[in-house]
Amino acid sequence: MTTSPITSRLLSTGWCVFVPFAAVAVYLSLGTFAVLLIGAPIVATVVLDMLVVVLVGSMRIQRPRWLAHAPAPGPRPESPRFGWAVLGCAVLAFLAGQSLALWIYVTAGSAGFDASNQTRHAAGALATLLHTLVAAPAGEEALFRGLIYPLLRKRVSILASTLVTAVVFGLLHGNAVQFASTLPLAVLLALVYERTRVLWPCVLLHLGFNLAAALVPAQTLGALANPVSAVFLCLAFAGCALGLYRRVAGGTAPGAVQGVRGSGAP
């Protein structure tokens, strides 16, 4: 018995809602318990992220079929060129995200972003560095690119999985400034995972993004805090990401853009 296009679209849309909602709900519930148990939010988040790495890593090793999706990646003779394209997109992702985030902060402010900064300062340098450069890149990549993205790809297209994962990733940061700064990165990371099907490149890119955000003074990027720069850089990143998407979709086996069940984006 075949499924009608409308039913298939509804099932795909429901899957795009259920998967990230369930995964994030479990993550936040464990995080709340960790904060209650440990007390310090940053330390609790470090513990939570390491737990996610262990759980998702174990699942990927013990039950790889649960997170595998078709089509398999095709031949990659252009890998060095792909790597340079990813690095170029990563630079644009950082600049576009920072420009948009700074413009939002200068224009409207963000109580949530200020509270997040205060929490990091209160935690101390060591805990903050451990969270920023180790726990967050590893834990968030395990959750989003290691779990949510491949589960989405079992039913929907590369584009739908990328956009849903990116939006949820941005929303998890809890404020408009960090949502804007991380959205381009999340798009890039999903495309990199789709092409490689391994997490370590995503973790390294995430770490590099966090390191750049920590080391580059806000004053250096102050000139980008305007709508012209934000729009220009976002369009430049969008063009780069589109080219990368075409290379990723074209580098898979036949039927590249569709998930296992052949359903399109919701």
C-alpha atoms as a PDB file:
ATOM      1  CA  MET A   1       0.000   0.000   0.000  1.00  0.00           C
ATOM      2  CA  THR A   2       1.508   3.309  -1.085  1.00  0.00           C
ATOM      3  CA  THR A   3       1.372   6.457   1.016  1.00  0.00           C
ATOM      4  CA  SER A   4      -0.320   9.483  -0.550  1.00  0.00           C
ATOM      5  CA  PRO A   5       1.833  12.618  -1.091  1.00  0.00           C
ATOM      6  CA  ILE A   6      -0.207  14.572   1.461  1.00  0.00           C
ATOM      7  CA  THR A   7       0.144  11.868   4.104  1.00  0.00           C
ATOM      8  CA  SER A   8       3.856  11.567   3.377  1.00  0.00           C
ATOM      9  CA  ARG A   9       4.274  15.336   3.728  1.00  0.00           C
ATOM     10  CA  LEU A  10       2.379  15.353   7.029  1.00  0.00           C
ATOM     11  CA  LEU A  11       4.455  12.470   8.371  1.00  0.00           C
ATOM     12  CA  SER A  12       7.657  14.235   7.346  1.00  0.00           C
ATOM     13  CA  THR A  13       6.545  17.472   8.993  1.00  0.00           C
ATOM     14  CA  GLY A  14       5.614  15.626  12.170  1.00  0.00           C
ATOM     15  CA  TRP A  15       9.010  13.894  12.154  1.00  0.00           C
ATOM     16  CA  CYS A  16      10.755  17.274  11.828  1.00  0.00           C
ATOM     17  CA  VAL A  17       8.884  18.472  14.907  1.00  0.00           C
ATOM     18  CA  PHE A  18       9.076  15.307  17.001  1.00  0.00           C
ATOM     19  CA  VAL A  19      12.776  14.450  16.628  1.00  0.00           C
ATOM     20  CA  PRO A  20      14.315  17.776  17.724  1.00  0.00           C
ATOM     21  CA  PHE A  21      11.602  18.359  20.346  1.00  0.00           C
ATOM     22  CA  ALA A  22      12.149  14.954  21.953  1.00  0.00           C
ATOM     23  CA  ALA A  23      15.956  15.176  21.845  1.00  0.00           C
ATOM     24  CA  VAL A  24      16.092  18.723  23.203  1.00  0.00           C
ATOM     25  CA  ALA A  25      13.457  17.970  25.865  1.00  0.00           C
ATOM     26  CA  VAL A  26      15.569  15.078  27.179  1.00  0.00           C
ATOM     27  CA  TYR A  27      18.718  17.233  26.993  1.00  0.00           C
ATOM     28  CA  LEU A  28      17.105  20.110  28.924  1.00  0.00           C
ATOM     29  CA  SER A  29      15.610  17.749  31.497  1.00  0.00           C
ATOM     30  CA  LEU A  30      19.008  16.193  32.160  1.00  0.00           C
ATOM     31  CA  GLY A  31      20.497  19.680  32.278  1.00  0.00           C
ATOM     32  CA  THR A  32      17.976  20.836  34.873  1.00  0.00           C
ATOM     33  CA  PHE A  33      18.726  17.776  36.997  1.00  0.00           C
ATOM     34  CA  ALA A  34      22.480  18.395  36.641  1.00  0.00           C
ATOM     35  CA  VAL A  35      22.122  22.021  37.765  1.00  0.00           C
ATOM     36  CA  LEU A  36      20.048  20.978  40.777  1.00  0.00           C
ATOM     37  CA  LEU A  37      22.595  18.315  41.664  1.00  0.00           C
ATOM     38  CA  ILE A  38      25.797  20.297  41.057  1.00  0.00           C
ATOM     39  CA  GLY A  39      24.655  23.871  41.573  1.00  0.00           C
ATOM     40  CA  ALA A  40      27.035  25.680  39.198  1.00  0.00           C
ATOM     41  CA  PRO A  41      25.336  26.035  35.768  1.00  0.00           C
ATOM     42  CA  ILE A  42      28.532  26.012  33.675  1.00  0.00           C
ATOM     43  CA  VAL A  43      30.002  23.007  35.475  1.00  0.00           C
ATOM     44  CA  ALA A  44      26.653  21.232  35.203  1.00  0.00           C
ATOM     45  CA  THR A  45      26.580  21.944  31.465  1.00  0.00           C
ATOM     46  CA  VAL A  46      30.089  20.519  31.073  1.00  0.00           C
ATOM     47  CA  VAL A  47      28.994  17.322  32.820  1.00  0.00           C
ATOM     48  CA  LEU A  48      25.827  17.186  30.725  1.00  0.00           C
ATOM     49  CA  ASP A  49      27.706  17.625  27.432  1.00  0.00           C
ATOM     50  CA  MET A  50      30.180  14.899  28.337  1.00  0.00           C
ATOM     51  CA  LEU A  51      27.275  12.597  29.191  1.00  0.00           C
ATOM     52  CA  VAL A  52      25.740  13.335  25.785  1.00  0.00           C
ATOM     53  CA  VAL A  53      29.040  12.473  24.108  1.00  0.00           C
ATOM     54  CA  VAL A  54      29.142   9.115  25.906  1.00  0.00           C
ATOM     55  CA  LEU A  55      25.493   8.250  25.211  1.00  0.00           C
ATOM     56  CA  VAL A  56      25.429   9.299  21.556  1.00  0.00           C
ATOM     57  CA  GLY A  57      28.896   7.896  20.944  1.00  0.00           C
ATOM     58  CA  SER A  58      27.851   4.545  22.383  1.00  0.00           C
ATOM     59  CA  MET A  59      24.744   4.526  20.212  1.00  0.00           C
ATOM     60  CA  ARG A  60      26.742   5.323  17.085  1.00  0.00           C
ATOM     61  CA  ILE A  61      29.204   2.524  17.858  1.00  0.00           C
ATOM     62  CA  GLN A  62      26.820  -0.146  19.164  1.00  0.00           C
ATOM     63  CA  ARG A  63      23.791   0.591  16.939  1.00  0.00           C
ATOM     64  CA  PRO A  64      25.126   2.357  13.826  1.00  0.00           C
ATOM     65  CA  ARG A  65      22.078   1.404  11.749  1.00  0.00           C
ATOM     66  CA  TRP A  66      19.837   3.482  14.004  1.00  0.00           C
ATOM     67  CA  LEU A  67      21.573   6.654  12.789  1.00  0.00           C
ATOM     68  CA  ALA A  68      22.572   5.593   9.285  1.00  0.00           C
ATOM     69  CA  HIS A  69      20.690   7.095   6.366  1.00  0.00           C
ATOM     70  CA  ALA A  70      20.703   6.703   2.623  1.00  0.00           C
ATOM     71  CA  PRO A  71      22.140   7.591   0.227  1.00  0.00           C
ATOM     72  CA  ALA A  72      25.690   6.768   1.177  1.00  0.00           C
ATOM     73  CA  PRO A  73      28.346   9.358   0.322  1.00  0.00           C
ATOM     74  CA  GLY A  74      29.732   8.957  -3.178  1.00  0.00           C
ATOM     75  CA  PRO A  75      33.379   9.058  -4.273  1.00  0.00           C
ATOM     76  CA  ARG A  76      35.261  12.122  -3.014  1.00  0.00           C
ATOM     77  CA  PRO A  77      38.243  12.790  -5.293  1.00  0.00           C
ATOM     78  CA  GLU A  78      37.734  16.514  -4.739  1.00  0.00           C
ATOM     79  CA  SER A  79      38.189  16.294  -0.941  1.00  0.00           C
ATOM     80  CA  PRO A  80      41.043  18.867  -0.735  1.00  0.00           C
ATOM     81  CA  ARG A  81      38.966  21.350  -2.720  1.00  0.00           C
ATOM     82  CA  PHE A  82      35.977  20.575  -0.533  1.00  0.00           C
ATOM     83  CA  GLY A  83      38.094  21.268   2.546  1.00  0.00           C
ATOM     84  CA  TRP A  84      39.126  24.684   1.250  1.00  0.00           C
ATOM     85  CA  ALA A  85      35.508  25.472   0.373  1.00  0.00           C
ATOM     86  CA  VAL A  86      34.476  24.534   3.919  1.00  0.00           C
ATOM     87  CA  LEU A  87      37.174  26.773   5.420  1.00  0.00           C
ATOM     88  CA  GLY A  88      36.044  29.688   3.250  1.00  0.00           C
ATOM     89  CA  CYS A  89      32.447  29.140   4.284  1.00  0.00           C
ATOM     90  CA  ALA A  90      33.541  28.885   7.934  1.00  0.00           C
ATOM     91  CA  VAL A  91      35.154  32.335   7.770  1.00  0.00           C
ATOM     92  CA  LEU A  92      32.033  33.784   6.162  1.00  0.00           C
ATOM     93  CA  ALA A  93      29.832  31.992   8.720  1.00  0.00           C
ATOM     94  CA  PHE A  94      31.784  33.572  11.560  1.00  0.00           C
ATOM     95  CA  LEU A  95      31.748  37.074  10.060  1.00  0.00           C
ATOM     96  CA  ALA A  96      28.092  36.907   9.022  1.00  0.00           C
ATOM     97  CA  GLY A  97      26.977  35.574  12.395  1.00  0.00           C
ATOM     98  CA  GLN A  98      29.028  38.080  14.367  1.00  0.00           C
ATOM     99  CA  SER A  99      27.905  41.008  12.216  1.00  0.00           C
ATOM    100  CA  LEU A 100      24.231  40.106  12.551  1.00  0.00           C
ATOM    101  CA  ALA A 101      24.563  39.402  16.279  1.00  0.00           C
ATOM    102  CA  LEU A 102      26.396  42.670  16.983  1.00  0.00           C
ATOM    103  CA  TRP A 103      23.864  44.658  14.994  1.00  0.00           C
ATOM    104  CA  ILE A 104      21.010  43.080  16.962  1.00  0.00           C
ATOM    105  CA  TYR A 105      22.781  43.711  20.264  1.00  0.00           C
ATOM    106  CA  VAL A 106      23.636  47.340  19.461  1.00  0.00           C
ATOM    107  CA  THR A 107      20.121  48.016  18.184  1.00  0.00           C
ATOM    108  CA  ALA A 108      17.941  46.166  20.683  1.00  0.00           C
ATOM    109  CA  GLY A 109      20.194  44.734  23.379  1.00  0.00           C
ATOM    110  CA  SER A 110      19.648  41.273  24.842  1.00  0.00           C
ATOM    111  CA  ALA A 111      18.962  40.531  28.485  1.00  0.00           C
ATOM    112  CA  GLY A 112      19.420  36.826  27.778  1.00  0.00           C
ATOM    113  CA  PHE A 113      22.859  37.360  26.250  1.00  0.00           C
ATOM    114  CA  ASP A 114      23.901  39.584  29.169  1.00  0.00           C
ATOM    115  CA  ALA A 115      22.726  36.939  31.655  1.00  0.00           C
ATOM    116  CA  SER A 116      24.660  34.262  29.752  1.00  0.00           C
ATOM    117  CA  ASN A 117      27.836  36.368  29.929  1.00  0.00           C
ATOM    118  CA  GLN A 118      27.365  36.939  33.650  1.00  0.00           C
ATOM    119  CA  THR A 119      26.972  33.198  34.230  1.00  0.00           C
ATOM    120  CA  ARG A 120      30.217  32.500  32.368  1.00  0.00           C
ATOM    121  CA  HIS A 121      32.098  35.193  34.292  1.00  0.00           C
ATOM    122  CA  ALA A 122      30.792  33.875  37.601  1.00  0.00           C
ATOM    123  CA  ALA A 123      31.957  30.357  36.730  1.00  0.00           C
ATOM    124  CA  GLY A 124      35.587  31.419  36.404  1.00  0.00           C
ATOM    125  CA  ALA A 125      38.085  31.196  33.549  1.00  0.00           C
ATOM    126  CA  LEU A 126      38.889  27.485  33.839  1.00  0.00           C
ATOM    127  CA  ALA A 127      35.298  26.244  33.827  1.00  0.00           C
ATOM    128  CA  THR A 128      34.395  28.656  31.028  1.00  0.00           C
ATOM    129  CA  LEU A 129      37.304  27.529  28.850  1.00  0.00           C
ATOM    130  CA  LEU A 130      36.507  23.878  29.486  1.00  0.00           C
ATOM    131  CA  HIS A 131      32.918  24.480  28.480  1.00  0.00           C
ATOM    132  CA  THR A 132      33.670  26.684  25.458  1.00  0.00           C
ATOM    133  CA  LEU A 133      36.552  24.744  23.932  1.00  0.00           C
ATOM    134  CA  VAL A 134      35.843  21.138  24.956  1.00  0.00           C
ATOM    135  CA  ALA A 135      32.396  20.328  26.304  1.00  0.00           C
ATOM    136  CA  ALA A 136      30.225  22.522  24.065  1.00  0.00           C
ATOM    137  CA  PRO A 137      31.853  21.573  20.733  1.00  0.00           C
ATOM    138  CA  ALA A 138      31.829  17.865  21.577  1.00  0.00           C
ATOM    139  CA  GLY A 139      28.452  17.676  23.335  1.00  0.00           C
ATOM    140  CA  GLU A 140      26.499  19.932  20.989  1.00  0.00           C
ATOM    141  CA  GLU A 141      27.890  18.210  17.908  1.00  0.00           C
ATOM    142  CA  ALA A 142      27.030  14.811  19.376  1.00  0.00           C
ATOM    143  CA  LEU A 143      23.469  15.978  20.037  1.00  0.00           C
ATOM    144  CA  PHE A 144      22.751  17.916  16.854  1.00  0.00           C
ATOM    145  CA  ARG A 145      24.933  16.501  14.092  1.00  0.00           C
ATOM    146  CA  GLY A 146      25.442  13.092  15.696  1.00  0.00           C
ATOM    147  CA  LEU A 147      21.833  12.388  16.688  1.00  0.00           C
ATOM    148  CA  ILE A 148      19.181  14.867  15.532  1.00  0.00           C
ATOM    149  CA  TYR A 149      20.455  15.435  11.990  1.00  0.00           C
ATOM    150  CA  PRO A 150      20.832  11.750  11.006  1.00  0.00           C
ATOM    151  CA  LEU A 151      17.430  10.923  12.512  1.00  0.00           C
ATOM    152  CA  LEU A 152      15.848  13.702  10.456  1.00  0.00           C
ATOM    153  CA  ARG A 153      17.627  12.481   7.324  1.00  0.00           C
ATOM    154  CA  LYS A 154      15.899   9.134   7.631  1.00  0.00           C
ATOM    155  CA  ARG A 155      12.696  10.824   6.446  1.00  0.00           C
ATOM    156  CA  VAL A 156      13.465  14.224   4.915  1.00  0.00           C
ATOM    157  CA  SER A 157      15.874  15.922   2.550  1.00  0.00           C
ATOM    158  CA  ILE A 158      19.295  17.428   3.158  1.00  0.00           C
ATOM    159  CA  LEU A 159      17.821  20.927   2.965  1.00  0.00           C
ATOM    160  CA  ALA A 160      15.002  20.268   5.439  1.00  0.00           C
ATOM    161  CA  SER A 161      17.295  18.461   7.886  1.00  0.00           C
ATOM    162  CA  THR A 162      19.870  21.245   7.670  1.00  0.00           C
ATOM    163  CA  LEU A 163      17.391  24.062   8.258  1.00  0.00           C
ATOM    164  CA  VAL A 164      15.516  22.335  11.095  1.00  0.00           C
ATOM    165  CA  THR A 165      18.737  21.389  12.870  1.00  0.00           C
ATOM    166  CA  ALA A 166      20.195  24.884  12.424  1.00  0.00           C
ATOM    167  CA  VAL A 167      17.104  26.660  13.761  1.00  0.00           C
ATOM    168  CA  VAL A 168      16.794  24.368  16.794  1.00  0.00           C
ATOM    169  CA  PHE A 169      20.535  24.699  17.451  1.00  0.00           C
ATOM    170  CA  GLY A 170      20.208  28.487  17.447  1.00  0.00           C
ATOM    171  CA  LEU A 171      17.107  28.469  19.631  1.00  0.00           C
ATOM    172  CA  LEU A 172      18.794  26.265  22.225  1.00  0.00           C
ATOM    173  CA  HIS A 173      21.213  29.123  22.956  1.00  0.00           C
ATOM    174  CA  GLY A 174      18.300  31.032  24.431  1.00  0.00           C
ATOM    175  CA  ASN A 175      18.649  34.566  23.078  1.00  0.00           C
ATOM    176  CA  ALA A 176      18.477  36.458  19.783  1.00  0.00           C
ATOM    177  CA  VAL A 177      22.156  37.461  19.786  1.00  0.00           C
ATOM    178  CA  GLN A 178      23.513  33.929  20.057  1.00  0.00           C
ATOM    179  CA  PHE A 179      20.808  32.622  17.738  1.00  0.00           C
ATOM    180  CA  ALA A 180      22.015  35.023  15.042  1.00  0.00           C
ATOM    181  CA  SER A 181      25.691  34.307  15.648  1.00  0.00           C
ATOM    182  CA  THR A 182      25.346  30.511  15.547  1.00  0.00           C
ATOM    183  CA  LEU A 183      22.803  30.047  12.743  1.00  0.00           C
ATOM    184  CA  PRO A 184      25.297  30.246   9.832  1.00  0.00           C
ATOM    185  CA  LEU A 185      27.670  27.905  11.663  1.00  0.00           C
ATOM    186  CA  ALA A 186      24.887  25.365  12.195  1.00  0.00           C
ATOM    187  CA  VAL A 187      24.043  25.365   8.476  1.00  0.00           C
ATOM    188  CA  LEU A 188      27.687  24.769   7.590  1.00  0.00           C
ATOM    189  CA  LEU A 189      28.115  21.983  10.150  1.00  0.00           C
ATOM    190  CA  ALA A 190      25.085  20.096   8.854  1.00  0.00           C
ATOM    191  CA  LEU A 191      26.464  20.170   5.300  1.00  0.00           C
ATOM    192  CA  VAL A 192      29.877  19.022   6.486  1.00  0.00           C
ATOM    193  CA  TYR A 193      28.322  16.126   8.396  1.00  0.00           C
ATOM    194  CA  GLU A 194      26.191  15.143   5.412  1.00  0.00           C
ATOM    195  CA  ARG A 195      29.307  14.934   3.284  1.00  0.00           C
ATOM    196  CA  THR A 196      31.632  13.204   5.752  1.00  0.00           C
ATOM    197  CA  ARG A 197      29.216  11.253   8.031  1.00  0.00           C
ATOM    198  CA  VAL A 198      31.710  11.661  10.892  1.00  0.00           C
ATOM    199  CA  LEU A 199      31.663  14.126  13.772  1.00  0.00           C
ATOM    200  CA  TRP A 200      35.289  15.150  14.254  1.00  0.00           C
ATOM    201  CA  PRO A 201      35.336  17.771  11.431  1.00  0.00           C
ATOM    202  CA  CYS A 202      32.194  19.322  12.916  1.00  0.00           C
ATOM    203  CA  VAL A 203      33.731  19.359  16.396  1.00  0.00           C
ATOM    204  CA  LEU A 204      36.902  21.045  15.095  1.00  0.00           C
ATOM    205  CA  LEU A 205      34.936  23.680  13.166  1.00  0.00           C
ATOM    206  CA  HIS A 206      32.738  24.318  16.207  1.00  0.00           C
ATOM    207  CA  LEU A 207      35.814  24.627  18.418  1.00  0.00           C
ATOM    208  CA  GLY A 208      37.424  27.035  15.935  1.00  0.00           C
ATOM    209  CA  PHE A 209      34.280  29.163  15.871  1.00  0.00           C
ATOM    210  CA  ASN A 210      34.147  29.337  19.667  1.00  0.00           C
ATOM    211  CA  LEU A 211      37.857  30.097  19.871  1.00  0.00           C
ATOM    212  CA  ALA A 212      37.558  32.923  17.347  1.00  0.00           C
ATOM    213  CA  ALA A 213      34.539  34.336  19.191  1.00  0.00           C
ATOM    214  CA  ALA A 214      36.547  34.293  22.432  1.00  0.00           C
ATOM    215  CA  LEU A 215      39.780  35.739  21.038  1.00  0.00           C
ATOM    216  CA  VAL A 216      38.588  38.353  18.530  1.00  0.00           C
ATOM    217  CA  PRO A 217      37.681  41.502  20.491  1.00  0.00           C
ATOM    218  CA  ALA A 218      34.197  42.873  19.926  1.00  0.00           C
ATOM    219  CA  GLN A 219      35.787  46.249  19.152  1.00  0.00           C
ATOM    220  CA  THR A 220      37.570  44.701  16.170  1.00  0.00           C
ATOM    221  CA  LEU A 221      34.241  43.599  14.738  1.00  0.00           C
ATOM    222  CA  GLY A 222      32.454  46.806  15.742  1.00  0.00           C
ATOM    223  CA  ALA A 223      32.532  48.156  12.193  1.00  0.00           C
ATOM    224  CA  LEU A 224      30.372  45.205  11.117  1.00  0.00           C
ATOM    225  CA  ALA A 225      27.569  46.076  13.552  1.00  0.00           C
ATOM    226  CA  ASN A 226      25.297  47.634  10.938  1.00  0.00           C
ATOM    227  CA  PRO A 227      22.552  46.352   8.611  1.00  0.00           C
ATOM    228  CA  VAL A 228      24.580  46.849   5.420  1.00  0.00           C
ATOM    229  CA  SER A 229      27.475  44.657   6.591  1.00  0.00           C
ATOM    230  CA  ALA A 230      25.117  42.111   8.138  1.00  0.00           C
ATOM    231  CA  VAL A 231      23.053  41.737   4.965  1.00  0.00           C
ATOM    232  CA  PHE A 232      26.101  41.655   2.683  1.00  0.00           C
ATOM    233  CA  LEU A 233      27.930  39.031   4.756  1.00  0.00           C
ATOM    234  CA  CYS A 234      24.806  36.912   5.203  1.00  0.00           C
ATOM    235  CA  LEU A 235      24.207  36.936   1.447  1.00  0.00           C
ATOM    236  CA  ALA A 236      27.869  36.066   0.833  1.00  0.00           C
ATOM    237  CA  PHE A 237      27.592  33.148   3.252  1.00  0.00           C
ATOM    238  CA  ALA A 238      24.296  32.044   1.700  1.00  0.00           C
ATOM    239  CA  GLY A 239      25.966  31.929  -1.719  1.00  0.00           C
ATOM    240  CA  CYS A 240      28.897  29.946  -0.343  1.00  0.00           C
ATOM    241  CA  ALA A 241      26.580  27.557   1.508  1.00  0.00           C
ATOM    242  CA  LEU A 242      24.478  27.064  -1.626  1.00  0.00           C
ATOM    243  CA  GLY A 243      27.574  26.098  -3.595  1.00  0.00           C
ATOM    244  CA  LEU A 244      28.597  23.729  -0.819  1.00  0.00           C
ATOM    245  CA  TYR A 245      25.095  22.247  -0.709  1.00  0.00           C
ATOM    246  CA  ARG A 246      25.162  21.553  -4.437  1.00  0.00           C
ATOM    247  CA  ARG A 247      28.524  19.842  -4.079  1.00  0.00           C
ATOM    248  CA  VAL A 248      27.302  17.796  -1.108  1.00  0.00           C
ATOM    249  CA  ALA A 249      24.030  16.785  -2.798  1.00  0.00           C
ATOM    250  CA  GLY A 250      25.842  15.989  -6.032  1.00  0.00           C
ATOM    251  CA  GLY A 251      28.480  13.937  -4.243  1.00  0.00           C
ATOM    252  CA  THR A 252      26.071  11.287  -2.965  1.00  0.00           C
ATOM    253  CA  ALA A 253      24.764   8.196  -4.623  1.00  0.00           C
ATOM    254  CA  PRO A 254      21.699   8.339  -6.950  1.00  0.00           C
ATOM    255  CA  GLY A 255      18.645   9.837  -5.276  1.00  0.00           C
ATOM    256  CA  ALA A 256      20.954  12.177  -3.389  1.00  0.00           C
ATOM    257  CA  VAL A 257      18.581  14.732  -2.016  1.00  0.00           C
ATOM    258  CA  GLN A 258      15.891  12.461  -0.666  1.00  0.00           C
ATOM    259  CA  GLY A 259      15.877  10.526   2.585  1.00  0.00           C
ATOM    260  CA  VAL A 260      15.408   6.798   3.017  1.00  0.00           C
ATOM    261  CA  ARG A 261      11.695   6.908   2.331  1.00  0.00           C
ATOM    262  CA  GLY A 262      12.015   9.334  -0.556  1.00  0.00           C
ATOM    263  CA  SER A 263      10.020  12.094   1.118  1.00  0.00           C
ATOM    264  CA  GLY A 264      10.775  15.705   0.355  1.00  0.00           C
ATOM    265  CA  ALA A 265      11.254  18.652   2.638  1.00  0.00           C
ATOM    266  CA  PRO A 266       8.199  19.613   4.668  1.00  0.00           C
END
